[in-house]
Amino acid sequence: MVGYDLFEGLVAAKSLKAICDDLRIWVNSSRPAMKLLRKKRSGSRGGKFYARAGTPSQAVLEASEDPEATKRRQQATFQPINPIALRHTPDQRLEAFWRHKRK
């Protein structure tokens, strides 16, 4: 995402943090992942069994051991999000971030 260029200054650090925050919300709200439940081996053949695909935020909401306060906070964070618009926000912030590159 950023590469090996050098950046310095508080403005560059805040800009990078904003990019990472946007990407974290995008990944946790709209990128499904499959959790490996078990592996089965039968001779030389093996098989993998996965749980239903879901986003990390859905996993928190479906977990029974998480407190209700955590679930409400999760819903408040991820409910009003438009994943397509959120995917373009880091790109726009990244363009602004490149202006802080040390020459």
C-alpha atoms as a PDB file:
ATOM      1  CA  MET A   1       0.000   0.000   0.000  1.00  0.00           C
ATOM      2  CA  VAL A   2       2.675   2.497   0.973  1.00  0.00           C
ATOM      3  CA  GLY A   3       5.861   0.836  -0.184  1.00  0.00           C
ATOM      4  CA  TYR A   4       9.415   1.634   0.855  1.00  0.00           C
ATOM      5  CA  ASP A   5       9.353   5.420   0.509  1.00  0.00           C
ATOM      6  CA  LEU A   6      10.221   7.596   3.482  1.00  0.00           C
ATOM      7  CA  PHE A   7       7.601   9.739   5.145  1.00  0.00           C
ATOM      8  CA  GLU A   8       8.146  12.034   8.065  1.00  0.00           C
ATOM      9  CA  GLY A   9       6.113  14.377  10.157  1.00  0.00           C
ATOM     10  CA  LEU A  10       2.992  14.334  12.259  1.00  0.00           C
ATOM     11  CA  VAL A  11       0.737  15.112   9.305  1.00  0.00           C
ATOM     12  CA  ALA A  12       1.996  12.045   7.424  1.00  0.00           C
ATOM     13  CA  ALA A  13       1.508   9.863  10.517  1.00  0.00           C
ATOM     14  CA  LYS A  14      -2.072  11.076  11.002  1.00  0.00           C
ATOM     15  CA  SER A  15      -2.797  10.571   7.325  1.00  0.00           C
ATOM     16  CA  LEU A  16      -1.477   6.998   7.428  1.00  0.00           C
ATOM     17  CA  LYS A  17      -3.540   6.253  10.549  1.00  0.00           C
ATOM     18  CA  ALA A  18      -6.696   7.504   8.797  1.00  0.00           C
ATOM     19  CA  ILE A  19      -5.966   5.221   5.821  1.00  0.00           C
ATOM     20  CA  CYS A  20      -5.442   2.207   8.089  1.00  0.00           C
ATOM     21  CA  ASP A  21      -8.638   2.967  10.052  1.00  0.00           C
ATOM     22  CA  ASP A  22     -10.659   3.108   6.830  1.00  0.00           C
ATOM     23  CA  LEU A  23      -9.162  -0.150   5.588  1.00  0.00           C
ATOM     24  CA  ARG A  24      -9.830  -1.859   8.948  1.00  0.00           C
ATOM     25  CA  ILE A  25     -13.498  -0.900   8.812  1.00  0.00           C
ATOM     26  CA  TRP A  26     -13.751  -1.968   5.166  1.00  0.00           C
ATOM     27  CA  VAL A  27     -12.160  -5.379   5.812  1.00  0.00           C
ATOM     28  CA  ASN A  28     -14.187  -6.071   8.958  1.00  0.00           C
ATOM     29  CA  SER A  29     -17.489  -5.015   7.451  1.00  0.00           C
ATOM     30  CA  SER A  30     -17.447  -6.251   3.881  1.00  0.00           C
ATOM     31  CA  ARG A  31     -14.760  -8.883   3.268  1.00  0.00           C
ATOM     32  CA  PRO A  32     -16.109 -12.379   3.993  1.00  0.00           C
ATOM     33  CA  ALA A  33     -13.779 -15.046   5.320  1.00  0.00           C
ATOM     34  CA  MET A  34     -14.261 -18.766   5.815  1.00  0.00           C
ATOM     35  CA  LYS A  35     -13.189 -20.328   9.112  1.00  0.00           C
ATOM     36  CA  LEU A  36     -11.646 -23.785   8.917  1.00  0.00           C
ATOM     37  CA  LEU A  37     -13.651 -26.111  11.187  1.00  0.00           C
ATOM     38  CA  ARG A  38     -11.718 -29.340  10.747  1.00  0.00           C
ATOM     39  CA  LYS A  39      -9.479 -31.364   8.474  1.00  0.00           C
ATOM     40  CA  LYS A  40     -10.132 -34.975   7.581  1.00  0.00           C
ATOM     41  CA  ARG A  41      -7.519 -37.339   6.264  1.00  0.00           C
ATOM     42  CA  SER A  42      -8.403 -40.627   4.586  1.00  0.00           C
ATOM     43  CA  GLY A  43      -5.292 -42.385   3.315  1.00  0.00           C
ATOM     44  CA  SER A  44      -3.532 -40.093   0.866  1.00  0.00           C
ATOM     45  CA  ARG A  45      -6.574 -37.864   0.388  1.00  0.00           C
ATOM     46  CA  GLY A  46      -7.558 -35.059   2.667  1.00  0.00           C
ATOM     47  CA  GLY A  47     -10.509 -32.794   2.998  1.00  0.00           C
ATOM     48  CA  LYS A  48     -11.215 -29.516   4.712  1.00  0.00           C
ATOM     49  CA  PHE A  49     -14.516 -28.459   6.190  1.00  0.00           C
ATOM     50  CA  TYR A  50     -15.300 -24.764   6.505  1.00  0.00           C
ATOM     51  CA  ALA A  51     -17.948 -22.798   8.346  1.00  0.00           C
ATOM     52  CA  ARG A  52     -20.348 -20.580   6.398  1.00  0.00           C
ATOM     53  CA  ALA A  53     -18.544 -17.544   5.007  1.00  0.00           C
ATOM     54  CA  GLY A  54     -19.120 -14.304   6.884  1.00  0.00           C
ATOM     55  CA  THR A  55     -17.465 -11.035   7.741  1.00  0.00           C
ATOM     56  CA  PRO A  56     -15.540 -10.610  11.002  1.00  0.00           C
ATOM     57  CA  SER A  57     -18.203  -8.214  12.255  1.00  0.00           C
ATOM     58  CA  GLN A  58     -20.876 -10.865  11.639  1.00  0.00           C
ATOM     59  CA  ALA A  59     -18.803 -13.348  13.631  1.00  0.00           C
ATOM     60  CA  VAL A  60     -18.791 -10.994  16.620  1.00  0.00           C
ATOM     61  CA  LEU A  61     -22.546 -10.505  16.388  1.00  0.00           C
ATOM     62  CA  GLU A  62     -23.195 -14.247  16.170  1.00  0.00           C
ATOM     63  CA  ALA A  63     -20.831 -15.202  19.022  1.00  0.00           C
ATOM     64  CA  SER A  64     -22.710 -16.071  22.181  1.00  0.00           C
ATOM     65  CA  GLU A  65     -19.862 -15.309  24.597  1.00  0.00           C
ATOM     66  CA  ASP A  66     -19.490 -11.637  23.627  1.00  0.00           C
ATOM     67  CA  PRO A  67     -21.280  -9.147  25.899  1.00  0.00           C
ATOM     68  CA  GLU A  68     -24.288  -7.243  24.575  1.00  0.00           C
ATOM     69  CA  ALA A  69     -22.443  -3.914  24.846  1.00  0.00           C
ATOM     70  CA  THR A  70     -19.825  -5.167  22.380  1.00  0.00           C
ATOM     71  CA  LYS A  71     -22.513  -6.305  19.957  1.00  0.00           C
ATOM     72  CA  ARG A  72     -24.352  -2.968  20.144  1.00  0.00           C
ATOM     73  CA  ARG A  73     -21.106  -1.062  19.533  1.00  0.00           C
ATOM     74  CA  GLN A  74     -20.337  -3.338  16.580  1.00  0.00           C
ATOM     75  CA  GLN A  75     -23.786  -2.753  15.065  1.00  0.00           C
ATOM     76  CA  ALA A  76     -23.496   1.013  15.523  1.00  0.00           C
ATOM     77  CA  THR A  77     -20.114   1.014  13.775  1.00  0.00           C
ATOM     78  CA  PHE A  78     -20.882  -1.224  10.805  1.00  0.00           C
ATOM     79  CA  GLN A  79     -24.618  -0.771  10.146  1.00  0.00           C
ATOM     80  CA  PRO A  80     -24.569   2.589   8.286  1.00  0.00           C
ATOM     81  CA  ILE A  81     -21.561   1.727   6.087  1.00  0.00           C
ATOM     82  CA  ASN A  82     -21.659   1.716   2.298  1.00  0.00           C
ATOM     83  CA  PRO A  83     -18.867  -0.774   1.378  1.00  0.00           C
ATOM     84  CA  ILE A  84     -18.404   0.559  -2.153  1.00  0.00           C
ATOM     85  CA  ALA A  85     -17.959   4.158  -1.018  1.00  0.00           C
ATOM     86  CA  LEU A  86     -15.744   3.007   1.849  1.00  0.00           C
ATOM     87  CA  ARG A  87     -13.480   1.130  -0.579  1.00  0.00           C
ATOM     88  CA  HIS A  88     -12.723   4.332  -2.510  1.00  0.00           C
ATOM     89  CA  THR A  89     -12.066   6.488   0.562  1.00  0.00           C
ATOM     90  CA  PRO A  90      -8.619   4.965   1.346  1.00  0.00           C
ATOM     91  CA  ASP A  91      -7.590   5.463  -2.281  1.00  0.00           C
ATOM     92  CA  GLN A  92      -8.414   9.160  -2.073  1.00  0.00           C
ATOM     93  CA  ARG A  93      -6.607   9.489   1.254  1.00  0.00           C
ATOM     94  CA  LEU A  94      -3.629   7.606  -0.160  1.00  0.00           C
ATOM     95  CA  GLU A  95      -3.274  10.156  -2.945  1.00  0.00           C
ATOM     96  CA  ALA A  96      -3.161  12.915  -0.316  1.00  0.00           C
ATOM     97  CA  PHE A  97      -0.690  10.855   1.733  1.00  0.00           C
ATOM     98  CA  TRP A  98       1.795  10.647  -1.143  1.00  0.00           C
ATOM     99  CA  ARG A  99       2.254  14.415  -0.958  1.00  0.00           C
ATOM    100  CA  HIS A 100       4.157  13.916   2.321  1.00  0.00           C
ATOM    101  CA  LYS A 101       6.851  11.739   0.750  1.00  0.00           C
ATOM    102  CA  ARG A 102      10.385  12.813   1.567  1.00  0.00           C
ATOM    103  CA  LYS A 103      12.303  13.752  -1.571  1.00  0.00           C
END
